[in-house]
Protein backbone atom coordinates (compact mmCIF):
# COMPACT_ATOMS: atom_id res chain seq x y z
CA MET A 1 97.49 121.21 60.90
CA ILE A 2 99.35 123.53 58.57
CA THR A 3 102.70 122.98 60.23
CA THR A 4 102.29 119.44 61.50
CA GLU A 5 100.93 117.82 58.37
CA GLY A 6 103.05 119.64 55.80
CA PHE A 7 100.40 121.85 54.24
CA GLN A 8 102.65 124.93 54.15
CA LYS A 9 103.69 124.52 50.53
CA THR A 10 100.09 123.87 49.47
CA CYS A 11 98.94 127.01 51.30
CA VAL A 12 101.69 129.13 49.77
CA ASP A 13 100.88 127.81 46.29
CA LEU A 14 97.19 128.53 46.81
CA VAL A 15 97.79 132.07 48.08
CA ARG A 16 100.11 132.83 45.18
CA SER A 17 97.41 131.74 42.73
CA LEU A 18 94.88 134.24 44.14
CA ASN A 19 94.32 137.76 42.87
CA PRO A 20 95.06 139.99 45.90
CA SER A 21 92.92 142.84 44.54
CA ILE A 22 89.74 140.76 44.81
CA CYS A 23 90.66 138.30 47.54
CA GLN A 24 90.18 138.83 51.26
CA MET A 25 91.89 136.34 53.54
CA MET A 26 90.68 135.60 57.07
CA LEU A 27 92.04 133.08 59.55
CA PHE A 28 90.05 132.01 62.60
CA SER A 29 91.03 129.85 65.52
CA ALA A 30 90.66 129.62 69.25
CA THR A 31 94.40 129.06 69.48
CA TYR A 32 97.41 129.67 67.28
CA SER A 33 100.89 128.41 68.00
CA ASP A 34 103.82 130.78 67.49
CA GLU A 35 104.84 128.64 64.52
CA VAL A 36 101.43 129.01 62.85
CA MET A 37 101.35 132.76 63.58
CA ALA A 38 104.77 133.16 61.95
CA PHE A 39 103.62 131.20 58.91
CA ALA A 40 100.36 133.17 58.68
CA SER A 41 102.26 136.46 58.75
CA GLU A 42 104.27 135.24 55.76
CA ILE A 43 101.21 134.58 53.62
CA VAL A 44 98.93 137.38 54.87
CA LYS A 45 100.45 140.81 54.35
CA ASP A 46 99.64 143.54 56.89
CA PRO A 47 97.13 141.47 58.85
CA VAL A 48 94.62 142.92 61.28
CA VAL A 49 94.76 140.69 64.36
CA LEU A 50 91.82 140.62 66.76
CA ARG A 51 92.27 138.91 70.11
CA LEU A 52 90.00 138.57 73.09
CA LYS A 53 91.21 139.78 76.44
CA ARG A 54 92.31 136.87 78.64
CA GLU A 55 89.24 137.23 80.92
CA LYS A 56 86.90 137.01 77.90
CA GLN A 57 88.44 133.80 76.54
CA THR A 58 86.28 131.40 78.52
CA LEU A 59 82.54 131.04 78.61
CA ASN A 60 80.68 131.34 81.90
CA ASN A 61 78.83 128.05 81.37
CA ILE A 62 82.02 126.06 80.79
CA ARG A 63 84.06 124.86 83.74
CA GLN A 64 87.73 124.24 83.08
CA PHE A 65 90.03 122.30 85.36
CA PHE A 66 93.77 122.16 85.58
CA ILE A 67 95.08 119.52 87.94
CA ARG A 68 98.80 118.85 88.19
CA CYS A 69 99.42 115.12 88.04
CA TYR A 70 102.69 113.28 87.93
CA ASP A 71 101.80 109.94 86.40
CA PRO A 72 99.00 108.31 84.38
CA GLU A 73 97.37 106.77 87.46
CA GLN A 74 97.09 110.17 89.17
CA LYS A 75 95.58 111.59 85.99
CA TYR A 76 92.94 108.89 85.80
CA HIS A 77 92.20 109.26 89.51
CA ALA A 78 91.69 113.02 89.00
CA ILE A 79 89.21 112.34 86.20
CA GLU A 80 87.36 109.85 88.41
CA GLN A 81 87.18 112.43 91.21
CA ILE A 82 85.78 115.11 88.91
CA TYR A 83 83.10 112.70 87.68
CA ALA A 84 82.29 111.52 91.20
CA TYR A 85 81.76 114.98 92.69
CA LEU A 86 80.54 117.20 89.87
CA PRO A 87 77.44 116.90 87.73
CA LEU A 88 78.89 116.97 84.23
CA GLY A 89 76.78 117.06 81.10
CA GLN A 90 79.65 116.75 78.67
CA ALA A 91 83.41 116.85 78.94
CA MET A 92 86.39 117.25 76.64
CA ILE A 93 89.65 115.69 77.75
CA PHE A 94 92.85 116.53 75.90
CA CYS A 95 95.76 114.10 75.61
CA ARG A 96 99.23 114.65 74.16
CA THR A 97 99.33 111.46 72.12
CA LYS A 98 96.96 109.23 70.17
CA ALA A 99 98.11 106.27 72.26
CA THR A 100 97.19 108.03 75.51
CA ALA A 101 93.82 109.07 74.09
CA ARG A 102 93.16 105.47 73.04
CA GLU A 103 94.13 104.07 76.46
CA LEU A 104 91.95 106.59 78.28
CA ALA A 105 88.98 105.99 75.97
CA VAL A 106 89.20 102.23 76.48
CA ARG A 107 89.53 102.60 80.24
CA MET A 108 86.64 105.05 80.53
CA ALA A 109 84.42 102.95 78.26
CA SER A 110 85.12 99.96 80.51
CA GLN A 111 83.74 102.08 83.37
CA GLN A 112 80.51 102.64 81.39
CA HIS A 113 81.29 106.20 80.28
CA SER A 114 79.85 107.22 76.92
CA VAL A 115 83.09 108.21 75.20
CA ARG A 116 84.59 108.79 71.74
CA GLU A 117 88.07 109.65 70.51
CA LEU A 118 89.01 112.47 68.18
CA THR A 119 92.59 112.05 66.96
CA GLY A 120 94.67 112.40 63.84
CA ALA A 121 94.03 108.70 63.18
CA LEU A 122 90.61 109.72 61.83
CA ASP A 123 90.12 111.21 58.40
CA ILE A 124 88.40 114.58 57.99
CA GLU A 125 84.92 113.09 57.46
CA GLN A 126 85.27 110.88 60.53
CA ARG A 127 86.42 113.86 62.62
CA ALA A 128 83.43 115.91 61.46
CA SER A 129 81.10 113.03 62.34
CA VAL A 130 82.54 112.69 65.85
CA ILE A 131 82.22 116.45 66.44
CA ARG A 132 78.63 116.42 65.14
CA GLN A 133 77.77 113.52 67.46
CA PHE A 134 79.31 115.35 70.41
CA ARG A 135 77.30 118.49 69.63
CA ASP A 136 74.16 116.36 69.31
CA ARG A 137 74.96 114.78 72.70
CA VAL A 138 75.17 111.26 71.29
CA PHE A 139 78.00 110.71 73.78
CA ASN A 140 79.24 112.63 76.83
CA VAL A 141 83.04 112.49 76.82
CA LEU A 142 85.23 113.57 73.92
CA ILE A 143 88.85 112.51 74.31
CA SER A 144 91.05 114.37 71.91
CA THR A 145 94.56 115.14 70.90
CA LYS A 146 95.57 118.48 69.46
CA VAL A 147 93.57 117.63 66.33
CA THR A 148 90.51 119.32 67.88
CA ASP A 149 91.98 122.77 67.33
CA ARG A 150 92.07 122.11 63.60
């Protein structure tokens, strides 16, 4: 969000306005791109970085799948296969683009899946509402772009 939506200047201005003797800065995320890490190191001096070991980065009750697919039809077929053979309570599916997320959501909804999209097309309040609904199990499939890591 910082790098993709042009918030760098705003962040720098905000940090410069703070009194470093009484301000403690903490950044939390499940993932940080190299670009965001470089930017964070510019605004946070001498940071203490805590990272989980690779084997501790996933929860035991969450199953993650990586299936190499070569076209959109193969991708959709893989999703159908997962749903056909595994009992899934909820699922998050990540797409590279808003258009792909939209197409997948429409297609899955037409197959009677309870699905919502979470993309940059939504404002912050709408995103929060979708996440709240997912946590409350109002729907089962969250289709998202990279906006979820924000």
